[in-house]
């Protein structure tokens, strides 16, 4: 996907672990929709990356602001380089 998706809506949702997550609805240029769920730690990183103070400020932004996680194989154990 080429970054053409925009954040259309956000809402809080419970997880199966009894925690709260942010459900984000994405709208793609071709009209398609998708939903992703972000946990509390991820939401803090997303807001920081977007320069936003609350989740409602994400509406209308490009979905690339949601890409805050670095896969474990990229960082390796304890933040070091992977092998």
C-alpha atoms as a PDB file:
ATOM      1  CA  UNK A   1       0.000   0.000   0.000  1.00  0.00           C
ATOM      2  CA  UNK A   2       1.297   3.391  -0.858  1.00  0.00           C
ATOM      3  CA  UNK A   3       0.277   5.661   2.003  1.00  0.00           C
ATOM      4  CA  UNK A   4      -2.937   6.890   0.401  1.00  0.00           C
ATOM      5  CA  UNK A   5      -5.117   5.785   3.305  1.00  0.00           C
ATOM      6  CA  UNK A   6      -6.468   8.384   5.706  1.00  0.00           C
ATOM      7  CA  UNK A   7      -7.713   7.999   9.245  1.00  0.00           C
ATOM      8  CA  UNK A   8     -11.477   8.302   8.994  1.00  0.00           C
ATOM      9  CA  UNK A   9     -12.598   7.645  12.572  1.00  0.00           C
ATOM     10  CA  UNK A  10     -11.302   6.683  16.019  1.00  0.00           C
ATOM     11  CA  UNK A  11     -13.057   5.177  19.026  1.00  0.00           C
ATOM     12  CA  UNK A  12     -12.155   3.428  22.246  1.00  0.00           C
ATOM     13  CA  UNK A  13     -12.822  -0.286  22.397  1.00  0.00           C
ATOM     14  CA  UNK A  14     -12.310  -2.980  25.037  1.00  0.00           C
ATOM     15  CA  UNK A  15      -9.849  -5.787  24.348  1.00  0.00           C
ATOM     16  CA  UNK A  16     -10.297  -9.420  25.266  1.00  0.00           C
ATOM     17  CA  UNK A  17      -7.750  -8.814  28.059  1.00  0.00           C
ATOM     18  CA  UNK A  18     -10.019  -6.241  29.692  1.00  0.00           C
ATOM     19  CA  UNK A  19      -7.862  -3.297  28.616  1.00  0.00           C
ATOM     20  CA  UNK A  20      -8.799  -0.344  26.444  1.00  0.00           C
ATOM     21  CA  UNK A  21      -7.509   0.121  22.913  1.00  0.00           C
ATOM     22  CA  UNK A  22      -8.076   2.647  20.166  1.00  0.00           C
ATOM     23  CA  UNK A  23      -9.945   1.320  17.132  1.00  0.00           C
ATOM     24  CA  UNK A  24      -8.902   3.294  14.054  1.00  0.00           C
ATOM     25  CA  UNK A  25     -10.931   3.185  10.838  1.00  0.00           C
ATOM     26  CA  UNK A  26      -8.886   3.760   7.694  1.00  0.00           C
ATOM     27  CA  UNK A  27     -10.316   4.888   4.352  1.00  0.00           C
ATOM     28  CA  UNK A  28      -8.294   4.038   1.245  1.00  0.00           C
ATOM     29  CA  UNK A  29      -8.207   6.017  -2.000  1.00  0.00           C
ATOM     30  CA  UNK A  30     -10.154   3.256  -3.779  1.00  0.00           C
ATOM     31  CA  UNK A  31     -12.988   3.569  -1.221  1.00  0.00           C
ATOM     32  CA  UNK A  32     -12.023   0.526   0.803  1.00  0.00           C
ATOM     33  CA  UNK A  33     -12.021   0.586   4.578  1.00  0.00           C
ATOM     34  CA  UNK A  34     -10.070  -1.248   7.200  1.00  0.00           C
ATOM     35  CA  UNK A  35      -9.807  -1.115  10.958  1.00  0.00           C
ATOM     36  CA  UNK A  36      -6.733  -1.439  13.143  1.00  0.00           C
ATOM     37  CA  UNK A  37      -6.464  -1.570  16.902  1.00  0.00           C
ATOM     38  CA  UNK A  38      -3.770   0.239  18.880  1.00  0.00           C
ATOM     39  CA  UNK A  39      -2.956  -0.479  22.526  1.00  0.00           C
ATOM     40  CA  UNK A  40      -2.261   2.275  25.081  1.00  0.00           C
ATOM     41  CA  UNK A  41       1.525   2.201  24.667  1.00  0.00           C
ATOM     42  CA  UNK A  42       1.213   2.284  20.899  1.00  0.00           C
ATOM     43  CA  UNK A  43      -1.244   5.167  21.122  1.00  0.00           C
ATOM     44  CA  UNK A  44       1.251   7.261  23.085  1.00  0.00           C
ATOM     45  CA  UNK A  45       3.843   6.691  20.350  1.00  0.00           C
ATOM     46  CA  UNK A  46       1.319   7.447  17.588  1.00  0.00           C
ATOM     47  CA  UNK A  47       0.261  10.714  19.235  1.00  0.00           C
ATOM     48  CA  UNK A  48       3.890  11.742  19.678  1.00  0.00           C
ATOM     49  CA  UNK A  49       4.720  10.951  16.051  1.00  0.00           C
ATOM     50  CA  UNK A  50       1.668  12.890  14.849  1.00  0.00           C
ATOM     51  CA  UNK A  51       2.294  15.817  17.206  1.00  0.00           C
ATOM     52  CA  UNK A  52      -1.243  15.372  18.515  1.00  0.00           C
ATOM     53  CA  UNK A  53      -2.508  15.759  22.050  1.00  0.00           C
ATOM     54  CA  UNK A  54      -5.546  13.464  21.731  1.00  0.00           C
ATOM     55  CA  UNK A  55      -6.813  10.749  19.403  1.00  0.00           C
ATOM     56  CA  UNK A  56      -9.472  12.895  17.702  1.00  0.00           C
ATOM     57  CA  UNK A  57      -6.659  14.966  16.175  1.00  0.00           C
ATOM     58  CA  UNK A  58      -5.643  11.913  14.134  1.00  0.00           C
ATOM     59  CA  UNK A  59      -8.805  12.056  12.011  1.00  0.00           C
ATOM     60  CA  UNK A  60      -7.982  13.106   8.459  1.00  0.00           C
ATOM     61  CA  UNK A  61      -4.268  12.339   8.771  1.00  0.00           C
ATOM     62  CA  UNK A  62      -2.335   9.936   6.593  1.00  0.00           C
ATOM     63  CA  UNK A  63      -2.207   6.464   8.073  1.00  0.00           C
ATOM     64  CA  UNK A  64       1.609   6.454   8.145  1.00  0.00           C
ATOM     65  CA  UNK A  65       1.427   8.148  11.573  1.00  0.00           C
ATOM     66  CA  UNK A  66       0.281   4.756  12.896  1.00  0.00           C
ATOM     67  CA  UNK A  67       3.543   3.059  11.908  1.00  0.00           C
ATOM     68  CA  UNK A  68       5.461   3.356  15.182  1.00  0.00           C
ATOM     69  CA  UNK A  69       6.434  -0.214  15.994  1.00  0.00           C
ATOM     70  CA  UNK A  70       9.847  -1.547  15.082  1.00  0.00           C
ATOM     71  CA  UNK A  71       9.840  -5.331  14.669  1.00  0.00           C
ATOM     72  CA  UNK A  72      11.905  -7.241  17.257  1.00  0.00           C
ATOM     73  CA  UNK A  73      14.122  -8.739  14.552  1.00  0.00           C
ATOM     74  CA  UNK A  74      15.235  -5.194  13.655  1.00  0.00           C
ATOM     75  CA  UNK A  75      16.360  -4.339  17.173  1.00  0.00           C
ATOM     76  CA  UNK A  76      17.366  -7.700  18.582  1.00  0.00           C
ATOM     77  CA  UNK A  77      17.329  -8.550  22.294  1.00  0.00           C
ATOM     78  CA  UNK A  78      17.456  -5.628  24.708  1.00  0.00           C
ATOM     79  CA  UNK A  79      17.519  -3.044  21.930  1.00  0.00           C
ATOM     80  CA  UNK A  80      20.760  -4.262  20.329  1.00  0.00           C
ATOM     81  CA  UNK A  81      21.284  -5.001  16.660  1.00  0.00           C
ATOM     82  CA  UNK A  82      19.775  -8.227  15.337  1.00  0.00           C
ATOM     83  CA  UNK A  83      22.082 -10.920  14.015  1.00  0.00           C
END
